[in-house]
Amino acid sequence: WTSEILREAIRRAKGGKEPIELLIENEEYFHS
């Protein structure tokens, strides 16, 4: 993650069908 990569993913998703995938860490757990 960087702010530019997130912005690019949002721009690419516009008008498309693929969702944006986020990998999140919450303490010792990871979730997509």
PDB file of all heavy atoms in Angstrom:
ATOM      1  N   TRP A   1       0.810  -1.214   0.000  1.00  0.00           N
ATOM      2  CA  TRP A   1       0.000   0.000   0.000  1.00  0.00           C
ATOM      3  C   TRP A   1       0.849   1.272   0.000  1.00  0.00           C
ATOM      4  O   TRP A   1       1.810   1.407   0.751  1.00  0.00           O
ATOM      5  CB  TRP A   1      -0.890   0.040   1.243  1.00  0.00           C
ATOM      6  CG  TRP A   1      -1.668   1.300   1.332  1.00  0.00           C
ATOM      7  CD1 TRP A   1      -2.845   1.543   0.745  1.00  0.00           C
ATOM      8  CD2 TRP A   1      -1.310   2.497   2.021  1.00  0.00           C
ATOM      9  NE1 TRP A   1      -3.260   2.825   1.031  1.00  0.00           N
ATOM     10  CE2 TRP A   1      -2.333   3.438   1.812  1.00  0.00           C
ATOM     11  CE3 TRP A   1      -0.219   2.880   2.789  1.00  0.00           C
ATOM     12  CZ2 TRP A   1      -2.306   4.716   2.345  1.00  0.00           C
ATOM     13  CZ3 TRP A   1      -0.187   4.153   3.317  1.00  0.00           C
ATOM     14  CH2 TRP A   1      -1.227   5.045   3.097  1.00  0.00           C
ATOM     15  N   THR A   2       0.499   2.179  -0.890  1.00  0.00           N
ATOM     16  CA  THR A   2       0.915   3.583  -0.834  1.00  0.00           C
ATOM     17  C   THR A   2      -0.324   4.360  -1.264  1.00  0.00           C
ATOM     18  O   THR A   2      -1.237   3.801  -1.891  1.00  0.00           O
ATOM     19  CB  THR A   2       2.085   3.928  -1.787  1.00  0.00           C
ATOM     20  OG1 THR A   2       1.635   3.802  -3.134  1.00  0.00           O
ATOM     21  CG2 THR A   2       3.307   3.077  -1.538  1.00  0.00           C
ATOM     22  N   SER A   3      -0.362   5.628  -0.970  1.00  0.00           N
ATOM     23  CA  SER A   3      -1.535   6.413  -1.357  1.00  0.00           C
ATOM     24  C   SER A   3      -1.690   6.440  -2.875  1.00  0.00           C
ATOM     25  O   SER A   3      -2.807   6.386  -3.392  1.00  0.00           O
ATOM     26  CB  SER A   3      -1.460   7.829  -0.791  1.00  0.00           C
ATOM     27  OG  SER A   3      -0.318   8.492  -1.265  1.00  0.00           O
ATOM     28  N   GLU A   4      -0.575   6.478  -3.603  1.00  0.00           N
ATOM     29  CA  GLU A   4      -0.652   6.509  -5.061  1.00  0.00           C
ATOM     30  C   GLU A   4      -1.176   5.184  -5.627  1.00  0.00           C
ATOM     31  O   GLU A   4      -1.964   5.175  -6.568  1.00  0.00           O
ATOM     32  CB  GLU A   4       0.705   6.847  -5.680  1.00  0.00           C
ATOM     33  CG  GLU A   4       0.652   7.040  -7.175  1.00  0.00           C
ATOM     34  CD  GLU A   4      -0.387   8.062  -7.644  1.00  0.00           C
ATOM     35  OE1 GLU A   4      -0.558   9.106  -7.005  1.00  0.00           O
ATOM     36  OE2 GLU A   4      -1.059   7.782  -8.670  1.00  0.00           O
ATOM     37  N   ILE A   5      -0.770   4.064  -5.045  1.00  0.00           N
ATOM     38  CA  ILE A   5      -1.259   2.760  -5.510  1.00  0.00           C
ATOM     39  C   ILE A   5      -2.753   2.629  -5.241  1.00  0.00           C
ATOM     40  O   ILE A   5      -3.502   2.110  -6.086  1.00  0.00           O
ATOM     41  CB  ILE A   5      -0.455   1.615  -4.867  1.00  0.00           C
ATOM     42  CG1 ILE A   5       0.947   1.578  -5.513  1.00  0.00           C
ATOM     43  CG2 ILE A   5      -1.156   0.270  -5.024  1.00  0.00           C
ATOM     44  CD1 ILE A   5       1.893   0.597  -4.915  1.00  0.00           C
ATOM     45  N   LEU A   6      -3.221   3.115  -4.104  1.00  0.00           N
ATOM     46  CA  LEU A   6      -4.650   3.078  -3.806  1.00  0.00           C
ATOM     47  C   LEU A   6      -5.425   3.946  -4.797  1.00  0.00           C
ATOM     48  O   LEU A   6      -6.441   3.525  -5.342  1.00  0.00           O
ATOM     49  CB  LEU A   6      -4.918   3.535  -2.378  1.00  0.00           C
ATOM     50  CG  LEU A   6      -6.384   3.587  -1.956  1.00  0.00           C
ATOM     51  CD1 LEU A   6      -7.043   2.217  -2.100  1.00  0.00           C
ATOM     52  CD2 LEU A   6      -6.500   4.100  -0.533  1.00  0.00           C
ATOM     53  N   ARG A   7      -4.925   5.150  -5.065  1.00  0.00           N
ATOM     54  CA  ARG A   7      -5.597   6.037  -6.025  1.00  0.00           C
ATOM     55  C   ARG A   7      -5.622   5.413  -7.415  1.00  0.00           C
ATOM     56  O   ARG A   7      -6.607   5.496  -8.132  1.00  0.00           O
ATOM     57  CB  ARG A   7      -4.905   7.395  -6.043  1.00  0.00           C
ATOM     58  CG  ARG A   7      -5.108   8.147  -4.720  1.00  0.00           C
ATOM     59  CD  ARG A   7      -4.452   9.484  -4.732  1.00  0.00           C
ATOM     60  NE  ARG A   7      -5.266  10.348  -5.584  1.00  0.00           N
ATOM     61  CZ  ARG A   7      -4.816  11.447  -6.145  1.00  0.00           C
ATOM     62  NH1 ARG A   7      -3.578  11.826  -5.969  1.00  0.00           N
ATOM     63  NH2 ARG A   7      -5.610  12.184  -6.889  1.00  0.00           N
ATOM     64  N   GLU A   8      -4.524   4.774  -7.804  1.00  0.00           N
ATOM     65  CA  GLU A   8      -4.468   4.114  -9.119  1.00  0.00           C
ATOM     66  C   GLU A   8      -5.485   2.981  -9.194  1.00  0.00           C
ATOM     67  O   GLU A   8      -6.172   2.810 -10.206  1.00  0.00           O
ATOM     68  CB  GLU A   8      -3.059   3.562  -9.355  1.00  0.00           C
ATOM     69  CG  GLU A   8      -2.909   2.827 -10.667  1.00  0.00           C
ATOM     70  CD  GLU A   8      -1.524   2.200 -10.807  1.00  0.00           C
ATOM     71  OE1 GLU A   8      -0.550   2.782 -10.294  1.00  0.00           O
ATOM     72  OE2 GLU A   8      -1.448   1.121 -11.419  1.00  0.00           O
ATOM     73  N   ALA A   9      -5.625   2.193  -8.125  1.00  0.00           N
ATOM     74  CA  ALA A   9      -6.597   1.098  -8.101  1.00  0.00           C
ATOM     75  C   ALA A   9      -8.019   1.634  -8.231  1.00  0.00           C
ATOM     76  O   ALA A   9      -8.845   1.055  -8.933  1.00  0.00           O
ATOM     77  CB  ALA A   9      -6.446   0.291  -6.810  1.00  0.00           C
ATOM     78  N   ILE A  10      -8.297   2.756  -7.591  1.00  0.00           N
ATOM     79  CA  ILE A  10      -9.628   3.360  -7.688  1.00  0.00           C
ATOM     80  C   ILE A  10      -9.888   3.857  -9.104  1.00  0.00           C
ATOM     81  O   ILE A  10     -10.969   3.661  -9.655  1.00  0.00           O
ATOM     82  CB  ILE A  10      -9.775   4.498  -6.653  1.00  0.00           C
ATOM     83  CG1 ILE A  10      -9.769   3.913  -5.237  1.00  0.00           C
ATOM     84  CG2 ILE A  10     -11.049   5.302  -6.896  1.00  0.00           C
ATOM     85  CD1 ILE A  10      -9.648   4.944  -4.146  1.00  0.00           C
ATOM     86  N   ARG A  11      -8.873   4.476  -9.711  1.00  0.00           N
ATOM     87  CA  ARG A  11      -9.030   4.957 -11.095  1.00  0.00           C
ATOM     88  C   ARG A  11      -9.241   3.792 -12.058  1.00  0.00           C
ATOM     89  O   ARG A  11     -10.073   3.857 -12.959  1.00  0.00           O
ATOM     90  CB  ARG A  11      -7.809   5.770 -11.517  1.00  0.00           C
ATOM     91  CG  ARG A  11      -7.759   7.158 -10.919  1.00  0.00           C
ATOM     92  CD  ARG A  11      -6.689   8.007 -11.562  1.00  0.00           C
ATOM     93  NE  ARG A  11      -5.344   7.492 -11.357  1.00  0.00           N
ATOM     94  CZ  ARG A  11      -4.506   7.898 -10.400  1.00  0.00           C
ATOM     95  NH1 ARG A  11      -4.875   8.823  -9.556  1.00  0.00           N
ATOM     96  NH2 ARG A  11      -3.307   7.387 -10.311  1.00  0.00           N
ATOM     97  N   ARG A  12      -8.490   2.703 -11.884  1.00  0.00           N
ATOM     98  CA  ARG A  12      -8.621   1.545 -12.777  1.00  0.00           C
ATOM     99  C   ARG A  12      -9.958   0.839 -12.621  1.00  0.00           C
ATOM    100  O   ARG A  12     -10.476   0.255 -13.567  1.00  0.00           O
ATOM    101  CB  ARG A  12      -7.497   0.554 -12.518  1.00  0.00           C
ATOM    102  CG  ARG A  12      -6.187   1.000 -13.079  1.00  0.00           C
ATOM    103  CD  ARG A  12      -5.138  -0.047 -12.842  1.00  0.00           C
ATOM    104  NE  ARG A  12      -3.928   0.337 -13.530  1.00  0.00           N
ATOM    105  CZ  ARG A  12      -3.000  -0.497 -13.900  1.00  0.00           C
ATOM    106  NH1 ARG A  12      -3.134  -1.783 -13.637  1.00  0.00           N
ATOM    107  NH2 ARG A  12      -1.937  -0.067 -14.521  1.00  0.00           N
ATOM    108  N   ALA A  13     -10.525   0.864 -11.399  1.00  0.00           N
ATOM    109  CA  ALA A  13     -11.802   0.188 -11.157  1.00  0.00           C
ATOM    110  C   ALA A  13     -12.965   0.948 -11.767  1.00  0.00           C
ATOM    111  O   ALA A  13     -14.014   0.353 -12.023  1.00  0.00           O
ATOM    112  CB  ALA A  13     -12.026   0.026  -9.651  1.00  0.00           C
ATOM    113  N   LYS A  14     -12.776   2.243 -12.042  1.00  0.00           N
ATOM    114  CA  LYS A  14     -13.873   3.042 -12.591  1.00  0.00           C
ATOM    115  C   LYS A  14     -14.280   2.486 -13.952  1.00  0.00           C
ATOM    116  O   LYS A  14     -13.472   2.358 -14.853  1.00  0.00           O
ATOM    117  CB  LYS A  14     -13.462   4.501 -12.727  1.00  0.00           C
ATOM    118  CG  LYS A  14     -14.607   5.376 -13.183  1.00  0.00           C
ATOM    119  CD  LYS A  14     -14.219   6.826 -13.201  1.00  0.00           C
ATOM    120  CE  LYS A  14     -15.418   7.654 -13.627  1.00  0.00           C
ATOM    121  NZ  LYS A  14     -15.128   9.066 -13.561  1.00  0.00           N
ATOM    122  N   GLY A  15     -15.550   2.164 -14.069  1.00  0.00           N
ATOM    123  CA  GLY A  15     -16.066   1.640 -15.329  1.00  0.00           C
ATOM    124  C   GLY A  15     -15.780   0.165 -15.555  1.00  0.00           C
ATOM    125  O   GLY A  15     -16.249  -0.411 -16.521  1.00  0.00           O
ATOM    126  N   GLY A  16     -14.993  -0.468 -14.658  1.00  0.00           N
ATOM    127  CA  GLY A  16     -14.680  -1.885 -14.811  1.00  0.00           C
ATOM    128  C   GLY A  16     -15.616  -2.755 -14.000  1.00  0.00           C
ATOM    129  O   GLY A  16     -16.617  -2.296 -13.459  1.00  0.00           O
ATOM    130  N   LYS A  17     -15.274  -4.030 -13.929  1.00  0.00           N
ATOM    131  CA  LYS A  17     -16.109  -4.979 -13.186  1.00  0.00           C
ATOM    132  C   LYS A  17     -15.359  -5.629 -12.029  1.00  0.00           C
ATOM    133  O   LYS A  17     -15.970  -6.208 -11.146  1.00  0.00           O
ATOM    134  CB  LYS A  17     -16.635  -6.049 -14.137  1.00  0.00           C
ATOM    135  CG  LYS A  17     -17.482  -5.471 -15.261  1.00  0.00           C
ATOM    136  CD  LYS A  17     -18.574  -6.414 -15.647  1.00  0.00           C
ATOM    137  CE  LYS A  17     -19.379  -5.908 -16.823  1.00  0.00           C
ATOM    138  NZ  LYS A  17     -20.210  -4.782 -16.519  1.00  0.00           N
ATOM    139  N   GLU A  18     -14.034  -5.580 -12.035  1.00  0.00           N
ATOM    140  CA  GLU A  18     -13.235  -6.213 -10.989  1.00  0.00           C
ATOM    141  C   GLU A  18     -13.257  -5.371  -9.716  1.00  0.00           C
ATOM    142  O   GLU A  18     -13.090  -4.151  -9.769  1.00  0.00           O
ATOM    143  CB  GLU A  18     -11.786  -6.377 -11.451  1.00  0.00           C
ATOM    144  CG  GLU A  18     -11.617  -7.390 -12.555  1.00  0.00           C
ATOM    145  CD  GLU A  18     -11.961  -8.798 -12.091  1.00  0.00           C
ATOM    146  OE1 GLU A  18     -11.542  -9.200 -10.992  1.00  0.00           O
ATOM    147  OE2 GLU A  18     -12.673  -9.482 -12.836  1.00  0.00           O
ATOM    148  N   PRO A  19     -13.425  -6.013  -8.548  1.00  0.00           N
ATOM    149  CA  PRO A  19     -13.399  -5.264  -7.289  1.00  0.00           C
ATOM    150  C   PRO A  19     -11.964  -4.895  -6.898  1.00  0.00           C
ATOM    151  O   PRO A  19     -10.999  -5.473  -7.410  1.00  0.00           O
ATOM    152  CB  PRO A  19     -14.001  -6.253  -6.287  1.00  0.00           C
ATOM    153  CG  PRO A  19     -13.717  -7.589  -6.863  1.00  0.00           C
ATOM    154  CD  PRO A  19     -13.740  -7.414  -8.360  1.00  0.00           C
ATOM    155  N   ILE A  20     -11.837  -3.969  -5.994  1.00  0.00           N
ATOM    156  CA  ILE A  20     -10.541  -3.587  -5.433  1.00  0.00           C
ATOM    157  C   ILE A  20     -10.291  -4.512  -4.245  1.00  0.00           C
ATOM    158  O   ILE A  20     -11.150  -4.667  -3.382  1.00  0.00           O
ATOM    159  CB  ILE A  20     -10.553  -2.119  -4.974  1.00  0.00           C
ATOM    160  CG1 ILE A  20     -10.854  -1.201  -6.154  1.00  0.00           C
ATOM    161  CG2 ILE A  20      -9.244  -1.750  -4.299  1.00  0.00           C
ATOM    162  CD1 ILE A  20     -11.150   0.229  -5.765  1.00  0.00           C
ATOM    163  N   GLU A  21      -9.117  -5.143  -4.194  1.00  0.00           N
ATOM    164  CA  GLU A  21      -8.787  -6.048  -3.093  1.00  0.00           C
ATOM    165  C   GLU A  21      -7.881  -5.343  -2.099  1.00  0.00           C
ATOM    166  O   GLU A  21      -6.860  -4.776  -2.475  1.00  0.00           O
ATOM    167  CB  GLU A  21      -8.089  -7.302  -3.607  1.00  0.00           C
ATOM    168  CG  GLU A  21      -9.034  -8.277  -4.235  1.00  0.00           C
ATOM    169  CD  GLU A  21      -8.396  -9.638  -4.431  1.00  0.00           C
ATOM    170  OE1 GLU A  21      -7.703 -10.115  -3.514  1.00  0.00           O
ATOM    171  OE2 GLU A  21      -8.595 -10.197  -5.514  1.00  0.00           O
ATOM    172  N   LEU A  22      -8.267  -5.392  -0.839  1.00  0.00           N
ATOM    173  CA  LEU A  22      -7.486  -4.794   0.239  1.00  0.00           C
ATOM    174  C   LEU A  22      -7.038  -5.879   1.203  1.00  0.00           C
ATOM    175  O   LEU A  22      -7.832  -6.738   1.589  1.00  0.00           O
ATOM    176  CB  LEU A  22      -8.321  -3.762   1.004  1.00  0.00           C
ATOM    177  CG  LEU A  22      -8.945  -2.637   0.191  1.00  0.00           C
ATOM    178  CD1 LEU A  22      -9.784  -1.753   1.102  1.00  0.00           C
ATOM    179  CD2 LEU A  22      -7.889  -1.834  -0.523  1.00  0.00           C
ATOM    180  N   LEU A  23      -5.763  -5.856   1.600  1.00  0.00           N
ATOM    181  CA  LEU A  23      -5.254  -6.763   2.629  1.00  0.00           C
ATOM    182  C   LEU A  23      -5.100  -5.941   3.897  1.00  0.00           C
ATOM    183  O   LEU A  23      -4.359  -4.945   3.919  1.00  0.00           O
ATOM    184  CB  LEU A  23      -3.914  -7.377   2.224  1.00  0.00           C
ATOM    185  CG  LEU A  23      -3.285  -8.307   3.261  1.00  0.00           C
ATOM    186  CD1 LEU A  23      -4.182  -9.519   3.521  1.00  0.00           C
ATOM    187  CD2 LEU A  23      -1.905  -8.742   2.814  1.00  0.00           C
ATOM    188  N   ILE A  24      -5.816  -6.355   4.950  1.00  0.00           N
ATOM    189  CA  ILE A  24      -5.867  -5.613   6.203  1.00  0.00           C
ATOM    190  C   ILE A  24      -5.255  -6.453   7.312  1.00  0.00           C
ATOM    191  O   ILE A  24      -5.495  -7.661   7.399  1.00  0.00           O
ATOM    192  CB  ILE A  24      -7.339  -5.285   6.573  1.00  0.00           C
ATOM    193  CG1 ILE A  24      -8.041  -4.572   5.432  1.00  0.00           C
ATOM    194  CG2 ILE A  24      -7.427  -4.510   7.873  1.00  0.00           C
ATOM    195  CD1 ILE A  24      -7.545  -3.202   5.136  1.00  0.00           C
ATOM    196  N   GLU A  25      -4.479  -5.802   8.190  1.00  0.00           N
ATOM    197  CA  GLU A  25      -3.943  -6.455   9.379  1.00  0.00           C
ATOM    198  C   GLU A  25      -4.659  -5.880  10.597  1.00  0.00           C
ATOM    199  O   GLU A  25      -4.758  -4.671  10.752  1.00  0.00           O
ATOM    200  CB  GLU A  25      -2.446  -6.183   9.498  1.00  0.00           C
ATOM    201  CG  GLU A  25      -1.834  -6.757  10.757  1.00  0.00           C
ATOM    202  CD  GLU A  25      -0.372  -6.383  10.898  1.00  0.00           C
ATOM    203  OE1 GLU A  25       0.080  -5.430  10.231  1.00  0.00           O
ATOM    204  OE2 GLU A  25       0.313  -7.038  11.683  1.00  0.00           O
ATOM    205  N   ASN A  26      -5.179  -6.770  11.439  1.00  0.00           N
ATOM    206  CA  ASN A  26      -5.830  -6.359  12.679  1.00  0.00           C
ATOM    207  C   ASN A  26      -5.201  -7.175  13.800  1.00  0.00           C
ATOM    208  O   ASN A  26      -5.516  -8.356  13.967  1.00  0.00           O
ATOM    209  CB  ASN A  26      -7.340  -6.585  12.607  1.00  0.00           C
ATOM    210  CG  ASN A  26      -8.071  -5.974  13.777  1.00  0.00           C
ATOM    211  OD1 ASN A  26      -7.486  -5.264  14.578  1.00  0.00           O
ATOM    212  ND2 ASN A  26      -9.350  -6.257  13.880  1.00  0.00           N
ATOM    213  N   GLU A  27      -4.291  -6.554  14.537  1.00  0.00           N
ATOM    214  CA  GLU A  27      -3.481  -7.215  15.559  1.00  0.00           C
ATOM    215  C   GLU A  27      -2.728  -8.370  14.921  1.00  0.00           C
ATOM    216  O   GLU A  27      -1.900  -8.151  14.067  1.00  0.00           O
ATOM    217  CB  GLU A  27      -4.340  -7.613  16.748  1.00  0.00           C
ATOM    218  CG  GLU A  27      -4.903  -6.403  17.483  1.00  0.00           C
ATOM    219  CD  GLU A  27      -5.688  -6.768  18.717  1.00  0.00           C
ATOM    220  OE1 GLU A  27      -5.635  -7.943  19.168  1.00  0.00           O
ATOM    221  OE2 GLU A  27      -6.357  -5.865  19.246  1.00  0.00           O
ATOM    222  N   GLU A  28      -3.039  -9.627  15.252  1.00  0.00           N
ATOM    223  CA  GLU A  28      -2.305 -10.756  14.690  1.00  0.00           C
ATOM    224  C   GLU A  28      -3.036 -11.440  13.548  1.00  0.00           C
ATOM    225  O   GLU A  28      -2.594 -12.461  13.033  1.00  0.00           O
ATOM    226  CB  GLU A  28      -2.003 -11.781  15.787  1.00  0.00           C
ATOM    227  CG  GLU A  28      -3.255 -12.365  16.413  1.00  0.00           C
ATOM    228  CD  GLU A  28      -2.953 -13.253  17.600  1.00  0.00           C
ATOM    229  OE1 GLU A  28      -2.314 -12.774  18.538  1.00  0.00           O
ATOM    230  OE2 GLU A  28      -3.349 -14.428  17.547  1.00  0.00           O
ATOM    231  N   TYR A  29      -4.145 -10.863  13.112  1.00  0.00           N
ATOM    232  CA  TYR A  29      -4.954 -11.456  12.048  1.00  0.00           C
ATOM    233  C   TYR A  29      -4.859 -10.655  10.758  1.00  0.00           C
ATOM    234  O   TYR A  29      -4.748  -9.433  10.786  1.00  0.00           O
ATOM    235  CB  TYR A  29      -6.430 -11.550  12.476  1.00  0.00           C
ATOM    236  CG  TYR A  29      -6.641 -12.453  13.656  1.00  0.00           C
ATOM    237  CD1 TYR A  29      -6.711 -11.924  14.935  1.00  0.00           C
ATOM    238  CD2 TYR A  29      -6.756 -13.825  13.491  1.00  0.00           C
ATOM    239  CE1 TYR A  29      -6.890 -12.739  16.032  1.00  0.00           C
ATOM    240  CE2 TYR A  29      -6.949 -14.657  14.579  1.00  0.00           C
ATOM    241  CZ  TYR A  29      -7.012 -14.111  15.853  1.00  0.00           C
ATOM    242  OH  TYR A  29      -7.193 -14.924  16.931  1.00  0.00           O
ATOM    243  N   PHE A  30      -4.919 -11.363   9.639  1.00  0.00           N
ATOM    244  CA  PHE A  30      -4.936 -10.741   8.319  1.00  0.00           C
ATOM    245  C   PHE A  30      -6.260 -11.106   7.657  1.00  0.00           C
ATOM    246  O   PHE A  30      -6.754 -12.219   7.801  1.00  0.00           O
ATOM    247  CB  PHE A  30      -3.787 -11.257   7.448  1.00  0.00           C
ATOM    248  CG  PHE A  30      -2.438 -10.883   7.972  1.00  0.00           C
ATOM    249  CD1 PHE A  30      -1.777 -11.695   8.876  1.00  0.00           C
ATOM    250  CD2 PHE A  30      -1.835  -9.705   7.579  1.00  0.00           C
ATOM    251  CE1 PHE A  30      -0.539 -11.351   9.371  1.00  0.00           C
ATOM    252  CE2 PHE A  30      -0.593  -9.348   8.060  1.00  0.00           C
ATOM    253  CZ  PHE A  30       0.056 -10.172   8.963  1.00  0.00           C
ATOM    254  N   HIS A  31      -6.812 -10.160   6.917  1.00  0.00           N
ATOM    255  CA  HIS A  31      -8.057 -10.451   6.213  1.00  0.00           C
ATOM    256  C   HIS A  31      -8.042  -9.715   4.882  1.00  0.00           C
ATOM    257  O   HIS A  31      -7.586  -8.581   4.791  1.00  0.00           O
ATOM    258  CB  HIS A  31      -9.267 -10.006   7.034  1.00  0.00           C
ATOM    259  CG  HIS A  31     -10.536 -10.622   6.555  1.00  0.00           C
ATOM    260  ND1 HIS A  31     -11.244 -10.140   5.493  1.00  0.00           N
ATOM    261  CD2 HIS A  31     -11.210 -11.708   6.993  1.00  0.00           C
ATOM    262  CE1 HIS A  31     -12.305 -10.880   5.299  1.00  0.00           C
ATOM    263  NE2 HIS A  31     -12.312 -11.850   6.203  1.00  0.00           N
ATOM    264  N   SER A  32      -8.538 -10.372   3.855  1.00  0.00           N
ATOM    265  CA  SER A  32      -8.627  -9.772   2.532  1.00  0.00           C
ATOM    266  C   SER A  32     -10.077  -9.358   2.280  1.00  0.00           C
ATOM    267  O   SER A  32     -10.996 -10.142   2.521  1.00  0.00           O
ATOM    268  CB  SER A  32      -8.180 -10.783   1.482  1.00  0.00           C
ATOM    269  OG  SER A  32      -8.256 -10.205   0.205  1.00  0.00           O
TER     270      SER A  32
END
